Amino acid sequence: MKMMNKSEWEIVYIPDKPPIPPNQQPTVSVYASVIDPKLANTLVRKLNQIAPLENLRHVKRVRKKCLEGGKTLLAVILCVACVGNDDGQLDSMPNDILELINSYQLSYFITKVCKYAASSKEEWEEQCKLWPTSYHPPTSNIDGITGFSEEDSQAVLNFMKFAIDLAKSGNGQVVNAAVIVDPSTKQVIASACDQVHFWNTPTNKTSVETSFFEQPEAFISDPVANGVESPSCSWHPLRHAAIVAIEYSAARDRRLFPVVGHIGDNSIQVNSVQSSATGSPAKRQKTDLKNVKYDEKLDCHTNGFHSESVRPYLCTGYDIYLIWEPCTMCAMTLVHQRIRRIFYALPNGNAGALGSVHRLQDGPWFTFSHLVY
């Protein structure tokens, strides 16, 4: 998010790659060869087996050019060229490719293709000037990438204002604040400030009065005030706001979904452990979902929390609002927690992991990715 002036904010989508002018997109060198159209299917099938374009899936293997007289010219990518090898040395080619060249008497050349898939139609048009690529434009507004409705924009701004007010409520220290929200109900799940110094202790708030969104049903601002177990030490250099908010969200889930039941034929394992009194290793407990009965007094002990039918898996589908761009530790934690969207107000020029220094919102090494604004 970006502040336009003292009273206006703009919700800005931050992609996983920095914006690049369409005519300055990074490229890689590849070996290619003109081929007989009759051999196209055979060669493509063999090349996909011996030299698949794993990191260039957006690049089409075959390029077709129309010539005068209605003739066509086909060229196929053989393999990726070694870095720095633009002189066409044969010794840099895999042996399987060399055998294919010799078998079909191919004449190869080196050309450039774009390294990354196009994120816009303008980028795609520039890419195809080098070598044809595929482009899949969004068919709908995916979580606000192409814009928010007025209602959604107001909700986002209100929750960000709430995070700012939360950060200001400290002891005059400059701290970060985190607010975890369930976007389906527009309710705050948990919130917290940095607890990296001994003076950053949680405030004794059990509820929040706001004028811009409804009173949250399952809000946790302080585990001590709400009867949730708290660590003996409330501050630590690694207790960043996002980490603490996730801890409070987990505490909320434990209270709303206690482990109840017995072992039976239709039981399943749940992610809870219990150590025996003798100090033996913790064992996973089994819960029979057919016989789970929630304590009717639960709401009285949880400040009006409303039980849900299914326990959330970590923070799947939730949004988080932060004052400062998260560091690498917090960003990776949010990936693990399966946060859906991340909103932050101020960049972190020293250690920001979602736009300023790094862009960890997506990558081939992640099993889950989220959107950042």
Foldseek 3Di string as FASTA:
>chain_A
DEAPDPPDDDDAWFDLDDDDPLQPFDKFKFKKWKDDPVCVVVLVVVLCVPANPPQQQQFDQKFWDADPPRDIIIMGTRHTFDPPPQPPDPVRDDPVSVVVCVVRVTDMHMFIAGRDADQDPSNQVSRVVGGHGDDDHDPDQDVANVHDDPVVVLLVVQVQVVQVVVQVPAPPDRWKKKWKAQVVVSATQEIEIAQADQRRAFDLDLWDDDDRDDTHQHYDRDCVNLVFDDDPRRHHNPRHGLNVRLVSNVSSLCLLDPQDAADDDQWDWDPDWDADPVRDDTDTGIHRPVPDDDDPCSCVSRVRHDHDPDRDQQSANMEMEMAEADFPVSLVVCLVSNHAEYEYYYYDCPGHCPHRPHNPQDDPVGPHGHIYD
